[in-house]
Amino acid sequence: MRGGIRVCDFYHPARDADLASGGTAAGGLAAQPPGEVMKVLLTRFVKEEHGSTALEYGLIAAGLSIAIVTVLTQVALTLGRLKASAASAGN
């Protein structure tokens, strides 16, 4: 905790700057093969829970949006067919 605010374990400016310059601040991470670096970073990303609630709400909203668009498209197609059949029947 720094000043009452939780410091995110995923982002450390000093460590990330050291890694970008080829250093080994994260226990020799920069000296490992690229596949291992990606594995460590991916594991760290999966374990990070900061902001996960917002992400979950975003996924729910995206799913609902897709469902709504699908239903409205089907309704529009059905109404178009009804209009075409009414026009061909001469009503």
N, C-alpha and C. Protein backbone atom coordinates (compact mmCIF):
# COMPACT_ATOMS: atom_id res chain seq x y z
N MET A 1 0.85 -1.18 0.00
CA MET A 1 0.00 0.00 0.00
C MET A 1 0.89 1.23 0.00
N ARG A 2 0.56 2.16 -0.83
CA ARG A 2 1.29 3.41 -0.87
C ARG A 2 0.28 4.54 -0.76
N GLY A 3 0.27 5.24 0.36
CA GLY A 3 -0.66 6.34 0.55
C GLY A 3 -2.12 5.88 0.55
N GLY A 4 -2.38 4.65 1.00
CA GLY A 4 -3.74 4.15 1.04
C GLY A 4 -4.23 3.59 -0.28
N ILE A 5 -3.40 3.63 -1.30
CA ILE A 5 -3.79 3.12 -2.61
C ILE A 5 -3.01 1.84 -2.88
N ARG A 6 -3.71 0.79 -3.32
CA ARG A 6 -3.06 -0.48 -3.61
C ARG A 6 -2.19 -0.35 -4.86
N VAL A 7 -0.94 -0.73 -4.73
CA VAL A 7 -0.03 -0.69 -5.86
C VAL A 7 -0.20 -1.98 -6.63
N CYS A 8 -0.47 -1.88 -7.90
CA CYS A 8 -0.71 -3.05 -8.73
C CYS A 8 0.56 -3.87 -8.87
N ASP A 9 0.45 -5.17 -8.66
CA ASP A 9 1.61 -6.05 -8.76
C ASP A 9 2.04 -6.27 -10.21
N PHE A 10 1.15 -5.99 -11.15
CA PHE A 10 1.46 -6.27 -12.55
C PHE A 10 2.38 -5.21 -13.14
N TYR A 11 2.22 -3.96 -12.75
CA TYR A 11 2.97 -2.87 -13.35
C TYR A 11 3.93 -2.26 -12.34
N HIS A 12 5.19 -2.33 -12.63
CA HIS A 12 6.23 -1.69 -11.82
C HIS A 12 7.12 -0.91 -12.78
N PRO A 13 7.01 0.43 -12.79
CA PRO A 13 7.77 1.23 -13.74
C PRO A 13 9.27 0.97 -13.72
N ALA A 14 9.86 0.85 -12.53
CA ALA A 14 11.31 0.64 -12.46
C ALA A 14 11.69 -0.73 -13.03
N ARG A 15 10.95 -1.76 -12.66
CA ARG A 15 11.25 -3.10 -13.15
C ARG A 15 11.04 -3.18 -14.66
N ASP A 16 9.92 -2.62 -15.15
CA ASP A 16 9.63 -2.68 -16.57
C ASP A 16 10.65 -1.89 -17.39
N ALA A 17 11.12 -0.76 -16.85
CA ALA A 17 12.16 0.00 -17.55
C ALA A 17 13.46 -0.79 -17.59
N ASP A 18 13.77 -1.49 -16.50
CA ASP A 18 14.97 -2.32 -16.45
C ASP A 18 14.88 -3.46 -17.46
N LEU A 19 13.70 -4.07 -17.56
CA LEU A 19 13.52 -5.17 -18.52
C LEU A 19 13.64 -4.66 -19.94
N ALA A 20 13.08 -3.47 -20.21
CA ALA A 20 13.15 -2.91 -21.55
C ALA A 20 14.59 -2.63 -21.97
N SER A 21 15.43 -2.30 -20.97
CA SER A 21 16.82 -2.01 -21.30
C SER A 21 17.70 -3.26 -21.26
N GLY A 22 17.08 -4.43 -21.06
CA GLY A 22 17.85 -5.67 -21.07
C GLY A 22 18.34 -6.10 -19.70
N GLY A 23 17.85 -5.45 -18.65
CA GLY A 23 18.27 -5.78 -17.29
C GLY A 23 17.64 -7.06 -16.78
N THR A 24 17.89 -7.34 -15.52
CA THR A 24 17.40 -8.60 -14.94
C THR A 24 16.70 -8.35 -13.60
N ALA A 25 15.93 -7.26 -13.49
CA ALA A 25 15.31 -6.91 -12.22
C ALA A 25 14.29 -7.94 -11.75
N ALA A 26 13.65 -8.64 -12.64
CA ALA A 26 12.60 -9.60 -12.26
C ALA A 26 13.17 -11.00 -12.16
N GLY A 27 14.25 -11.15 -11.46
CA GLY A 27 14.82 -12.48 -11.26
C GLY A 27 15.39 -13.08 -12.53
N GLY A 28 16.03 -12.28 -13.35
CA GLY A 28 16.63 -12.79 -14.57
C GLY A 28 15.65 -12.96 -15.71
N LEU A 29 14.51 -12.28 -15.67
CA LEU A 29 13.49 -12.44 -16.70
C LEU A 29 13.99 -12.06 -18.08
N ALA A 30 14.74 -10.98 -18.17
CA ALA A 30 15.21 -10.53 -19.48
C ALA A 30 16.27 -11.47 -20.05
N ALA A 31 16.93 -12.24 -19.20
CA ALA A 31 17.97 -13.14 -19.67
C ALA A 31 17.40 -14.48 -20.13
N GLN A 32 16.09 -14.70 -19.91
CA GLN A 32 15.46 -15.96 -20.30
C GLN A 32 15.09 -15.95 -21.78
N PRO A 33 14.88 -17.13 -22.35
CA PRO A 33 14.43 -17.20 -23.75
C PRO A 33 13.07 -16.50 -23.90
N PRO A 34 12.76 -15.99 -25.09
CA PRO A 34 11.51 -15.26 -25.31
C PRO A 34 10.26 -16.04 -24.91
N GLY A 35 10.24 -17.34 -25.13
CA GLY A 35 9.08 -18.15 -24.75
C GLY A 35 8.85 -18.16 -23.26
N GLU A 36 9.92 -18.21 -22.49
CA GLU A 36 9.80 -18.19 -21.03
C GLU A 36 9.36 -16.82 -20.53
N VAL A 37 9.85 -15.77 -21.16
CA VAL A 37 9.45 -14.41 -20.78
C VAL A 37 7.95 -14.26 -20.98
N MET A 38 7.46 -14.73 -22.13
CA MET A 38 6.03 -14.62 -22.42
C MET A 38 5.22 -15.44 -21.42
N LYS A 39 5.72 -16.62 -21.06
CA LYS A 39 5.02 -17.48 -20.11
C LYS A 39 4.91 -16.79 -18.75
N VAL A 40 5.99 -16.18 -18.29
CA VAL A 40 5.99 -15.48 -17.00
C VAL A 40 5.05 -14.28 -17.05
N LEU A 41 5.10 -13.50 -18.13
CA LEU A 41 4.23 -12.33 -18.24
C LEU A 41 2.77 -12.74 -18.35
N LEU A 42 2.47 -13.81 -19.07
CA LEU A 42 1.10 -14.28 -19.19
C LEU A 42 0.58 -14.79 -17.85
N THR A 43 1.42 -15.52 -17.11
CA THR A 43 1.02 -16.00 -15.79
C THR A 43 0.74 -14.82 -14.86
N ARG A 44 1.59 -13.81 -14.91
CA ARG A 44 1.39 -12.62 -14.08
C ARG A 44 0.09 -11.91 -14.46
N PHE A 45 -0.19 -11.85 -15.77
CA PHE A 45 -1.41 -11.20 -16.24
C PHE A 45 -2.66 -11.95 -15.78
N VAL A 46 -2.64 -13.30 -15.85
CA VAL A 46 -3.79 -14.09 -15.44
C VAL A 46 -4.06 -13.98 -13.95
N LYS A 47 -3.00 -13.91 -13.14
CA LYS A 47 -3.16 -13.82 -11.70
C LYS A 47 -3.64 -12.44 -11.24
N GLU A 48 -3.44 -11.43 -12.04
CA GLU A 48 -3.82 -10.06 -11.68
C GLU A 48 -5.34 -9.94 -11.65
N GLU A 49 -5.89 -9.45 -10.55
CA GLU A 49 -7.33 -9.33 -10.40
C GLU A 49 -7.80 -7.88 -10.38
N HIS A 50 -6.91 -6.95 -10.46
CA HIS A 50 -7.27 -5.54 -10.43
C HIS A 50 -8.07 -5.18 -11.68
N GLY A 51 -9.28 -4.69 -11.52
CA GLY A 51 -10.11 -4.30 -12.66
C GLY A 51 -10.88 -5.43 -13.30
N SER A 52 -10.86 -6.62 -12.69
CA SER A 52 -11.52 -7.76 -13.32
C SER A 52 -13.04 -7.59 -13.31
N THR A 53 -13.60 -6.91 -12.33
CA THR A 53 -15.05 -6.71 -12.28
C THR A 53 -15.51 -5.87 -13.46
N ALA A 54 -14.79 -4.81 -13.77
CA ALA A 54 -15.14 -3.97 -14.91
C ALA A 54 -15.05 -4.77 -16.20
N LEU A 55 -14.06 -5.62 -16.31
CA LEU A 55 -13.93 -6.46 -17.50
C LEU A 55 -15.10 -7.42 -17.62
N GLU A 56 -15.50 -8.00 -16.51
CA GLU A 56 -16.64 -8.93 -16.54
C GLU A 56 -17.91 -8.20 -16.95
N TYR A 57 -18.14 -7.02 -16.42
CA TYR A 57 -19.33 -6.25 -16.83
C TYR A 57 -19.25 -5.89 -18.31
N GLY A 58 -18.08 -5.60 -18.79
CA GLY A 58 -17.92 -5.30 -20.22
C GLY A 58 -18.24 -6.49 -21.09
N LEU A 59 -17.82 -7.68 -20.66
CA LEU A 59 -18.13 -8.90 -21.42
C LEU A 59 -19.63 -9.19 -21.41
N ILE A 60 -20.28 -8.96 -20.27
CA ILE A 60 -21.73 -9.16 -20.20
C ILE A 60 -22.43 -8.18 -21.14
N ALA A 61 -22.01 -6.93 -21.12
CA ALA A 61 -22.61 -5.92 -22.00
C ALA A 61 -22.40 -6.27 -23.47
N ALA A 62 -21.23 -6.77 -23.81
CA ALA A 62 -20.96 -7.16 -25.19
C ALA A 62 -21.86 -8.33 -25.60
N GLY A 63 -22.01 -9.31 -24.73
CA GLY A 63 -22.88 -10.45 -25.03
C GLY A 63 -24.32 -10.03 -25.22
N LEU A 64 -24.81 -9.15 -24.34
CA LEU A 64 -26.18 -8.65 -24.49
C LEU A 64 -26.35 -7.85 -25.77
N SER A 65 -25.35 -7.07 -26.13
CA SER A 65 -25.42 -6.29 -27.37
C SER A 65 -25.53 -7.20 -28.58
N ILE A 66 -24.75 -8.26 -28.60
CA ILE A 66 -24.80 -9.21 -29.72
C ILE A 66 -26.18 -9.87 -29.79
N ALA A 67 -26.73 -10.24 -28.63
CA ALA A 67 -28.05 -10.87 -28.60
C ALA A 67 -29.13 -9.91 -29.11
N ILE A 68 -29.07 -8.66 -28.68
CA ILE A 68 -30.07 -7.67 -29.10
C ILE A 68 -29.99 -7.43 -30.60
N VAL A 69 -28.79 -7.27 -31.14
CA VAL A 69 -28.62 -7.04 -32.57
C VAL A 69 -29.15 -8.24 -33.36
N THR A 70 -28.88 -9.45 -32.89
CA THR A 70 -29.35 -10.65 -33.58
C THR A 70 -30.87 -10.70 -33.61
N VAL A 71 -31.51 -10.44 -32.48
CA VAL A 71 -32.97 -10.47 -32.40
C VAL A 71 -33.58 -9.39 -33.29
N LEU A 72 -33.05 -8.19 -33.23
CA LEU A 72 -33.60 -7.11 -34.05
C LEU A 72 -33.42 -7.38 -35.54
N THR A 73 -32.32 -7.99 -35.93
CA THR A 73 -32.11 -8.35 -37.33
C THR A 73 -33.15 -9.36 -37.79
N GLN A 74 -33.41 -10.37 -36.96
CA GLN A 74 -34.41 -11.37 -37.32
C GLN A 74 -35.81 -10.76 -37.40
N VAL A 75 -36.14 -9.85 -36.49
CA VAL A 75 -37.44 -9.17 -36.53
C VAL A 75 -37.57 -8.35 -37.81
N ALA A 76 -36.52 -7.64 -38.19
CA ALA A 76 -36.55 -6.84 -39.41
C ALA A 76 -36.72 -7.72 -40.65
N LEU A 77 -36.03 -8.85 -40.69
CA LEU A 77 -36.18 -9.75 -41.83
C LEU A 77 -37.60 -10.32 -41.91
N THR A 78 -38.15 -10.68 -40.77
CA THR A 78 -39.51 -11.21 -40.75
C THR A 78 -40.52 -10.16 -41.20
N LEU A 79 -40.39 -8.94 -40.73
CA LEU A 79 -41.30 -7.87 -41.16
C LEU A 79 -41.15 -7.59 -42.65
N GLY A 80 -39.95 -7.67 -43.17
CA GLY A 80 -39.73 -7.49 -44.60
C GLY A 80 -40.42 -8.56 -45.42
N ARG A 81 -40.35 -9.81 -44.95
CA ARG A 81 -41.03 -10.91 -45.66
C ARG A 81 -42.54 -10.74 -45.61
N LEU A 82 -43.08 -10.33 -44.47
CA LEU A 82 -44.51 -10.10 -44.33
C LEU A 82 -44.99 -8.99 -45.28
N LYS A 83 -44.21 -7.94 -45.37
CA LYS A 83 -44.56 -6.82 -46.25
C LYS A 83 -44.54 -7.28 -47.70
N ALA A 84 -43.52 -8.07 -48.07
CA ALA A 84 -43.42 -8.57 -49.44
C ALA A 84 -44.58 -9.50 -49.78
N SER A 85 -44.94 -10.37 -48.84
CA SER A 85 -46.05 -11.29 -49.11
C SER A 85 -47.39 -10.56 -49.18
N ALA A 86 -47.54 -9.51 -48.38
CA ALA A 86 -48.78 -8.72 -48.44
C ALA A 86 -48.85 -7.96 -49.76
N ALA A 87 -47.72 -7.45 -50.24
CA ALA A 87 -47.71 -6.72 -51.50
C ALA A 87 -48.01 -7.65 -52.68
N SER A 88 -47.49 -8.88 -52.62
CA SER A 88 -47.73 -9.81 -53.73
C SER A 88 -49.17 -10.36 -53.71
N ALA A 89 -49.81 -10.32 -52.54
CA ALA A 89 -51.19 -10.80 -52.44
C ALA A 89 -52.18 -9.73 -52.93
N GLY A 90 -51.71 -8.52 -53.09
CA GLY A 90 -52.55 -7.45 -53.60
C GLY A 90 -53.39 -6.76 -52.56
N ASN A 91 -53.03 -6.85 -51.32
CA ASN A 91 -53.81 -6.19 -50.27
C ASN A 91 -53.37 -4.80 -50.10
